[in-house]
């Protein structure tokens, strides 16, 4: 990606390219994603890249798409880090309810739930009651669209769909555990994986990480229950895992520099300390983690009108994004801005970063 927003010498027109732009966005309140206060700017976009953000007027030609953003906000697209679109994306890949709110990247596979390894029936029993979705609809969605037998094929299947936002995912611990042990055994309190099953769980997690999944999601909170008539009201498979099983997953994630998304037991709260200690870097490499629910963010001192911050999204233009595959991790800083489209709503114009 070349080029970027030039914030220097904004009063000096001589530093600007005098060529016209493909798209000009005029008069919007520009939040650049760094936490700086919003300022009214005109944006010039050329070859899909936001080339300039300036208070000066920008040249337009007969083919320039001009967007009037007066009274609206311009900002990087939002990254929704906690969704359960795993079934919905299969039948409604545009995900318009997210896109119309300015979300340009969604993260699926949270709370130990994904649809990569388990069959359609098991997937419906895992998802439906947890997410308050009609089980018949989830089952039909999985049965009618499932073409994959591996994580790599799953990513390829998503990549061939007409996705609205960028899509990336965790591999779900319950998904992996149920596919190895069977949904019945994996949800029995006394059920324990054998050594060969533990090795198979490790192999499947590594296979998903090789395909580009961001990490592993797990759940130890017993509030969420299974659907269906086979194992109804049992807690999710990952809630029955032992600490030694969790430690095996942690070693994989730590070694590979990937992320753990975890929901602790909110009844006893003991495992909050376990996950905190497991993620520390005392005498070892720290593990990346994201616990749910997250702390409530405080507005930054310089923001105006919004406390939401837009973390750096993965590379990709409305595609299935993955680490080490089509998408690579970025630093915490906001990259130079490029754009694939503008989503216009009543109060904002959202720029998708790619």
Protein backbone atom coordinates (compact mmCIF):
# COMPACT_ATOMS: atom_id res chain seq x y z
CA UNK A 1 0.00 0.00 0.00
CA UNK A 2 1.47 3.29 -1.05
CA UNK A 3 0.60 6.85 -0.23
CA UNK A 4 -1.27 8.09 2.77
CA UNK A 5 -2.91 11.06 4.40
CA UNK A 6 -0.66 14.12 4.38
CA UNK A 7 -1.32 16.16 7.52
CA UNK A 8 1.64 18.49 7.07
CA UNK A 9 1.57 22.10 5.82
CA UNK A 10 -2.16 22.03 5.35
CA UNK A 11 -2.30 25.73 4.61
CA UNK A 12 0.24 25.51 1.78
CA UNK A 13 -1.42 24.51 -1.47
CA UNK A 14 1.95 24.13 -3.19
CA UNK A 15 2.57 20.80 -1.42
CA UNK A 16 -0.57 19.27 -2.90
CA UNK A 17 -0.83 17.34 -6.10
CA UNK A 18 -2.76 19.55 -8.55
CA UNK A 19 -4.28 16.52 -10.30
CA UNK A 20 -7.95 15.82 -9.75
CA UNK A 21 -9.09 13.00 -7.50
CA UNK A 22 -11.30 9.99 -8.16
CA UNK A 23 -13.40 10.80 -5.08
CA UNK A 24 -13.60 14.02 -3.10
CA UNK A 25 -15.35 14.03 0.28
CA UNK A 26 -16.18 17.60 1.27
CA UNK A 27 -16.62 19.26 4.63
CA UNK A 28 -16.83 16.31 6.99
CA UNK A 29 -15.65 16.25 10.59
CA UNK A 30 -12.53 14.11 10.15
CA UNK A 31 -11.44 11.72 12.92
CA UNK A 32 -8.22 10.11 11.72
CA UNK A 33 -8.25 7.20 14.18
CA UNK A 34 -5.26 8.37 16.23
CA UNK A 35 -7.35 9.85 19.03
CA UNK A 36 -6.81 13.41 17.85
CA UNK A 37 -9.80 15.79 17.99
CA UNK A 38 -12.02 15.90 14.93
CA UNK A 39 -11.38 18.66 12.41
CA UNK A 40 -13.34 19.70 9.34
CA UNK A 41 -11.50 18.50 6.26
CA UNK A 42 -11.88 17.72 2.58
CA UNK A 43 -10.54 14.30 1.59
CA UNK A 44 -9.06 13.49 -1.79
CA UNK A 45 -9.02 9.84 -2.83
CA UNK A 46 -7.03 8.51 -5.78
CA UNK A 47 -6.61 4.89 -6.88
CA UNK A 48 -8.40 3.72 -3.77
CA UNK A 49 -6.08 5.60 -1.43
CA UNK A 50 -6.91 8.60 0.76
CA UNK A 51 -4.20 10.84 -0.63
CA UNK A 52 -4.91 14.02 1.29
CA UNK A 53 -6.95 15.50 4.12
CA UNK A 54 -6.98 19.28 3.90
CA UNK A 55 -8.95 22.38 4.81
CA UNK A 56 -8.40 23.69 1.26
CA UNK A 57 -10.67 23.07 -1.71
CA UNK A 58 -9.70 20.10 -3.86
CA UNK A 59 -9.75 19.93 -7.64
CA UNK A 60 -12.51 17.87 -9.21
CA UNK A 61 -13.02 16.73 -12.77
CA UNK A 62 -15.98 15.52 -14.81
CA UNK A 63 -15.50 11.95 -13.54
CA UNK A 64 -14.86 12.81 -9.89
CA UNK A 65 -17.36 11.35 -7.44
CA UNK A 66 -18.09 14.21 -5.02
CA UNK A 67 -19.59 13.37 -1.62
CA UNK A 68 -21.04 16.15 0.48
CA UNK A 69 -20.15 15.27 4.08
CA UNK A 70 -21.13 18.57 5.73
CA UNK A 71 -22.69 17.82 9.11
CA UNK A 72 -21.32 14.28 9.04
CA UNK A 73 -18.36 12.50 10.58
CA UNK A 74 -15.58 10.88 8.57
CA UNK A 75 -13.57 8.18 10.27
CA UNK A 76 -11.90 4.81 9.82
CA UNK A 77 -14.35 1.93 9.74
CA UNK A 78 -15.18 0.33 13.09
CA UNK A 79 -13.81 -3.10 13.94
CA UNK A 80 -16.44 -5.19 15.76
CA UNK A 81 -14.32 -7.54 17.85
CA UNK A 82 -17.16 -9.64 19.26
CA UNK A 83 -19.81 -11.07 16.95
CA UNK A 84 -21.58 -14.40 16.53
CA UNK A 85 -22.19 -14.15 12.80
CA UNK A 86 -20.87 -17.68 12.18
CA UNK A 87 -24.24 -18.95 10.93
CA UNK A 88 -25.65 -15.66 9.61
CA UNK A 89 -22.67 -14.93 7.37
CA UNK A 90 -23.37 -18.15 5.47
CA UNK A 91 -26.84 -17.04 4.33
CA UNK A 92 -26.48 -13.24 4.52
CA UNK A 93 -22.80 -12.55 3.80
CA UNK A 94 -23.42 -8.85 3.21
CA UNK A 95 -24.12 -8.42 6.95
CA UNK A 96 -25.86 -5.09 6.18
CA UNK A 97 -26.89 -4.44 9.79
CA UNK A 98 -23.21 -4.04 10.66
CA UNK A 99 -22.12 -2.26 7.50
CA UNK A 100 -24.83 0.40 7.75
CA UNK A 101 -23.50 1.31 11.19
CA UNK A 102 -19.99 1.84 9.87
CA UNK A 103 -18.50 -1.55 10.80
CA UNK A 104 -15.96 -2.64 8.21
CA UNK A 105 -14.37 -5.64 9.95
CA UNK A 106 -16.13 -8.28 12.08
CA UNK A 107 -14.56 -10.92 14.29
CA UNK A 108 -16.48 -14.20 14.61
CA UNK A 109 -15.85 -17.46 16.46
CA UNK A 110 -16.12 -15.98 19.95
CA UNK A 111 -17.06 -17.70 23.23
CA UNK A 112 -15.77 -21.13 22.11
CA UNK A 113 -18.32 -21.28 19.26
CA UNK A 114 -17.43 -21.72 15.60
CA UNK A 115 -18.77 -23.85 12.75
CA UNK A 116 -15.51 -25.08 11.28
CA UNK A 117 -15.20 -28.67 12.51
CA UNK A 118 -18.56 -29.83 13.90
CA UNK A 119 -21.31 -31.13 11.62
CA UNK A 120 -24.46 -29.13 10.95
CA UNK A 121 -26.57 -30.82 13.63
CA UNK A 122 -23.98 -30.35 16.35
CA UNK A 123 -23.38 -26.78 15.22
CA UNK A 124 -27.08 -25.98 15.50
CA UNK A 125 -27.25 -27.46 19.01
CA UNK A 126 -24.19 -25.45 20.06
CA UNK A 127 -25.33 -22.12 18.64
CA UNK A 128 -29.09 -21.82 18.72
CA UNK A 129 -29.91 -21.49 22.39
CA UNK A 130 -26.74 -19.57 23.26
CA UNK A 131 -27.51 -16.94 20.64
CA UNK A 132 -31.32 -17.11 20.93
CA UNK A 133 -31.64 -18.10 17.27
CA UNK A 134 -34.35 -20.39 15.84
CA UNK A 135 -32.68 -23.81 15.74
CA UNK A 136 -34.35 -24.85 12.48
CA UNK A 137 -32.98 -21.75 10.75
CA UNK A 138 -29.45 -22.35 12.01
CA UNK A 139 -29.61 -26.02 11.02
CA UNK A 140 -30.83 -25.20 7.50
CA UNK A 141 -28.14 -22.56 7.10
CA UNK A 142 -25.38 -24.97 8.05
CA UNK A 143 -26.78 -27.89 6.04
CA UNK A 144 -27.34 -25.86 2.87
CA UNK A 145 -24.00 -24.05 2.78
CA UNK A 146 -21.41 -26.39 4.28
CA UNK A 147 -18.84 -27.24 1.62
CA UNK A 148 -15.71 -27.35 3.78
CA UNK A 149 -14.00 -30.17 5.64
CA UNK A 150 -11.05 -28.19 7.00
CA UNK A 151 -10.24 -24.70 8.29
CA UNK A 152 -8.47 -23.80 5.05
CA UNK A 153 -11.53 -24.80 3.02
CA UNK A 154 -13.70 -22.80 5.43
CA UNK A 155 -11.66 -19.66 4.78
CA UNK A 156 -11.86 -20.32 1.03
CA UNK A 157 -15.64 -20.76 1.26
CA UNK A 158 -16.01 -17.39 3.00
CA UNK A 159 -13.66 -15.76 0.51
CA UNK A 160 -15.97 -16.79 -2.35
CA UNK A 161 -19.00 -15.19 -0.72
CA UNK A 162 -20.13 -11.61 -1.47
CA UNK A 163 -19.03 -10.36 1.93
CA UNK A 164 -20.00 -6.87 3.05
CA UNK A 165 -17.41 -6.24 5.77
CA UNK A 166 -14.04 -7.88 6.19
CA UNK A 167 -14.43 -11.11 8.15
CA UNK A 168 -11.96 -12.80 10.47
CA UNK A 169 -12.38 -15.39 13.22
CA UNK A 170 -11.20 -17.36 16.21
CA UNK A 171 -11.41 -21.14 16.21
CA UNK A 172 -13.85 -22.17 18.95
CA UNK A 173 -12.70 -24.51 21.71
CA UNK A 174 -16.17 -26.11 21.94
CA UNK A 175 -16.17 -26.65 18.17
CA UNK A 176 -12.81 -28.43 18.29
CA UNK A 177 -13.55 -30.41 21.46
CA UNK A 178 -16.93 -31.66 20.21
CA UNK A 179 -15.50 -32.68 16.85
CA UNK A 180 -12.82 -34.80 18.55
CA UNK A 181 -14.77 -36.31 21.47
CA UNK A 182 -18.28 -36.24 20.08
CA UNK A 183 -20.82 -33.73 21.33
CA UNK A 184 -22.20 -36.12 23.94
CA UNK A 185 -18.94 -37.02 25.69
CA UNK A 186 -17.59 -33.50 25.38
CA UNK A 187 -20.51 -32.15 27.42
CA UNK A 188 -20.47 -34.78 30.19
CA UNK A 189 -19.06 -33.51 33.51
CA UNK A 190 -17.10 -36.73 33.93
CA UNK A 191 -16.00 -36.85 30.32
CA UNK A 192 -12.26 -36.47 29.84
CA UNK A 193 -10.36 -36.63 26.56
CA UNK A 194 -7.85 -39.42 26.18
CA UNK A 195 -4.21 -38.69 25.40
CA UNK A 196 -4.84 -39.32 21.73
CA UNK A 197 -7.88 -37.00 21.82
CA UNK A 198 -5.86 -34.27 23.51
CA UNK A 199 -3.27 -34.62 20.76
CA UNK A 200 -6.06 -34.43 18.17
CA UNK A 201 -7.39 -31.23 19.79
CA UNK A 202 -3.90 -29.75 19.59
CA UNK A 203 -3.59 -30.78 15.94
CA UNK A 204 -6.92 -29.22 14.99
CA UNK A 205 -6.09 -25.98 16.75
CA UNK A 206 -2.74 -25.82 14.94
CA UNK A 207 -4.47 -26.59 11.65
CA UNK A 208 -6.82 -23.65 12.17
CA UNK A 209 -3.95 -21.34 13.09
CA UNK A 210 -2.10 -22.51 9.98
CA UNK A 211 -5.17 -21.52 7.94
CA UNK A 212 -4.98 -18.02 9.42
CA UNK A 213 -7.41 -17.99 12.36
CA UNK A 214 -6.49 -15.30 14.87
CA UNK A 215 -6.41 -17.62 17.86
CA UNK A 216 -8.68 -19.69 20.09
CA UNK A 217 -11.84 -18.69 21.92
CA UNK A 218 -13.02 -20.53 25.00
CA UNK A 219 -15.77 -20.39 27.59
CA UNK A 220 -15.84 -21.54 31.22
CA UNK A 221 -19.00 -19.69 32.25
CA UNK A 222 -21.86 -22.20 32.78
CA UNK A 223 -24.71 -19.85 31.92
CA UNK A 224 -24.97 -20.77 28.24
CA UNK A 225 -26.79 -24.01 27.45
CA UNK A 226 -27.12 -26.47 24.59
CA UNK A 227 -30.17 -26.67 22.33
CA UNK A 228 -31.78 -29.65 20.62
CA UNK A 229 -33.32 -32.80 22.06
CA UNK A 230 -30.14 -34.88 22.48
CA UNK A 231 -28.15 -32.91 25.05
CA UNK A 232 -30.46 -30.02 25.80
CA UNK A 233 -29.51 -27.76 28.73
CA UNK A 234 -26.01 -29.14 29.10
CA UNK A 235 -23.30 -26.51 29.29
CA UNK A 236 -20.93 -25.98 26.37
CA UNK A 237 -18.09 -28.46 25.74
CA UNK A 238 -15.34 -26.04 26.73
CA UNK A 239 -16.83 -25.62 30.22
CA UNK A 240 -15.91 -29.24 30.95
CA UNK A 241 -12.24 -28.90 30.01
CA UNK A 242 -9.63 -29.40 32.73
CA UNK A 243 -6.96 -26.84 33.58
CA UNK A 244 -4.38 -29.12 31.97
CA UNK A 245 -6.36 -29.02 28.72
CA UNK A 246 -6.46 -25.23 28.87
CA UNK A 247 -2.73 -25.10 29.52
CA UNK A 248 -2.08 -27.12 26.37
CA UNK A 249 -4.03 -24.56 24.36
CA UNK A 250 -2.19 -21.71 26.05
CA UNK A 251 1.20 -23.21 25.17
CA UNK A 252 0.19 -23.38 21.51
CA UNK A 253 -1.04 -19.78 21.47
CA UNK A 254 2.00 -18.49 23.33
CA UNK A 255 4.40 -20.30 21.03
CA UNK A 256 2.67 -19.01 17.92
CA UNK A 257 1.95 -15.49 19.16
CA UNK A 258 -1.82 -15.81 18.73
CA UNK A 259 -4.77 -14.56 20.79
CA UNK A 260 -6.89 -16.20 23.48
CA UNK A 261 -10.47 -14.91 23.82
CA UNK A 262 -11.92 -16.22 27.06
CA UNK A 263 -15.15 -15.91 29.04
CA UNK A 264 -14.46 -16.74 32.70
CA UNK A 265 -16.84 -18.43 35.11
CA UNK A 266 -18.92 -15.52 36.39
CA UNK A 267 -20.33 -17.59 39.25
CA UNK A 268 -17.13 -18.55 41.05
CA UNK A 269 -14.71 -16.13 39.35
CA UNK A 270 -11.77 -18.36 40.32
CA UNK A 271 -10.65 -18.83 36.75
CA UNK A 272 -10.35 -15.08 36.25
CA UNK A 273 -7.13 -15.41 38.22
CA UNK A 274 -6.17 -18.53 36.26
CA UNK A 275 -6.51 -16.79 32.89
CA UNK A 276 -4.70 -13.71 34.22
CA UNK A 277 -1.77 -15.80 35.45
CA UNK A 278 -1.73 -17.91 32.29
CA UNK A 279 -1.33 -14.82 30.13
CA UNK A 280 1.54 -13.26 32.05
CA UNK A 281 5.05 -13.10 30.70
CA UNK A 282 6.85 -13.88 33.95
CA UNK A 283 9.74 -16.05 32.87
CA UNK A 284 8.12 -16.77 29.52
CA UNK A 285 6.56 -15.16 26.51
CA UNK A 286 3.31 -13.36 27.43
CA UNK A 287 0.15 -14.62 25.82
CA UNK A 288 -2.11 -12.29 23.90
CA UNK A 289 -5.58 -12.38 25.36
CA UNK A 290 -8.97 -10.72 25.26
CA UNK A 291 -11.42 -11.48 28.04
CA UNK A 292 -15.15 -10.90 27.71
CA UNK A 293 -16.88 -8.79 28.88
CA UNK A 294 -14.26 -6.07 28.36
CA UNK A 295 -13.84 -3.05 30.63
CA UNK A 296 -15.95 -0.03 29.72
CA UNK A 297 -13.71 2.32 27.74
CA UNK A 298 -13.18 5.83 28.98
CA UNK A 299 -13.25 8.71 26.52
CA UNK A 300 -9.80 9.87 25.57
CA UNK A 301 -8.93 13.38 26.66
CA UNK A 302 -8.76 14.80 23.17
CA UNK A 303 -11.78 13.19 21.55
CA UNK A 304 -14.86 15.14 20.60
CA UNK A 305 -18.21 13.51 20.15
CA UNK A 306 -17.10 9.91 20.37
CA UNK A 307 -15.19 7.70 22.78
CA UNK A 308 -14.95 4.83 20.31
CA UNK A 309 -11.52 4.10 18.96
CA UNK A 310 -10.93 2.20 15.76
CA UNK A 311 -8.18 -0.40 16.16
CA UNK A 312 -6.09 -1.27 13.16
CA UNK A 313 -8.08 -3.62 10.93
CA UNK A 314 -6.48 -6.48 9.04
CA UNK A 315 -5.54 -6.17 5.40
CA UNK A 316 -8.33 -7.22 3.10
CA UNK A 317 -11.17 -5.77 1.05
CA UNK A 318 -14.46 -7.41 1.98
CA UNK A 319 -12.84 -10.77 2.33
CA UNK A 320 -12.18 -13.54 4.81
CA UNK A 321 -9.18 -12.18 6.67
CA UNK A 322 -6.61 -14.31 8.38
CA UNK A 323 -3.24 -13.96 10.02
CA UNK A 324 -0.41 -15.38 7.94
CA UNK A 325 -2.73 -15.94 5.00
CA UNK A 326 -4.59 -13.05 3.35
CA UNK A 327 -4.25 -10.82 6.42
CA UNK A 328 -1.28 -10.03 8.58
CA UNK A 329 -1.15 -8.49 12.06
CA UNK A 330 -0.34 -4.81 12.31
CA UNK A 331 1.20 -2.65 14.96
CA UNK A 332 -1.09 -0.69 17.25
CA UNK A 333 -0.69 2.48 15.23
CA UNK A 334 -3.24 3.46 12.64
CA UNK A 335 -1.87 2.85 9.13
CA UNK A 336 -1.96 5.27 6.25
CA UNK A 337 -5.52 5.43 5.06
CA UNK A 338 -6.86 3.79 1.97
CA UNK A 339 -10.46 3.44 0.97
CA UNK A 340 -12.62 0.93 -0.83
CA UNK A 341 -15.93 2.74 -0.41
CA UNK A 342 -17.82 5.34 1.55
CA UNK A 343 -20.87 4.28 3.55
CA UNK A 344 -23.18 7.27 3.85
CA UNK A 345 -25.67 7.49 6.71
CA UNK A 346 -27.56 10.26 8.43
CA UNK A 347 -24.60 11.45 10.49
CA UNK A 348 -21.38 9.95 9.19
CA UNK A 349 -19.40 8.86 6.21
CA UNK A 350 -17.27 5.85 7.06
CA UNK A 351 -14.04 5.15 5.24
CA UNK A 352 -13.05 1.53 5.02
CA UNK A 353 -9.33 0.98 5.61
CA UNK A 354 -7.81 -1.78 3.50
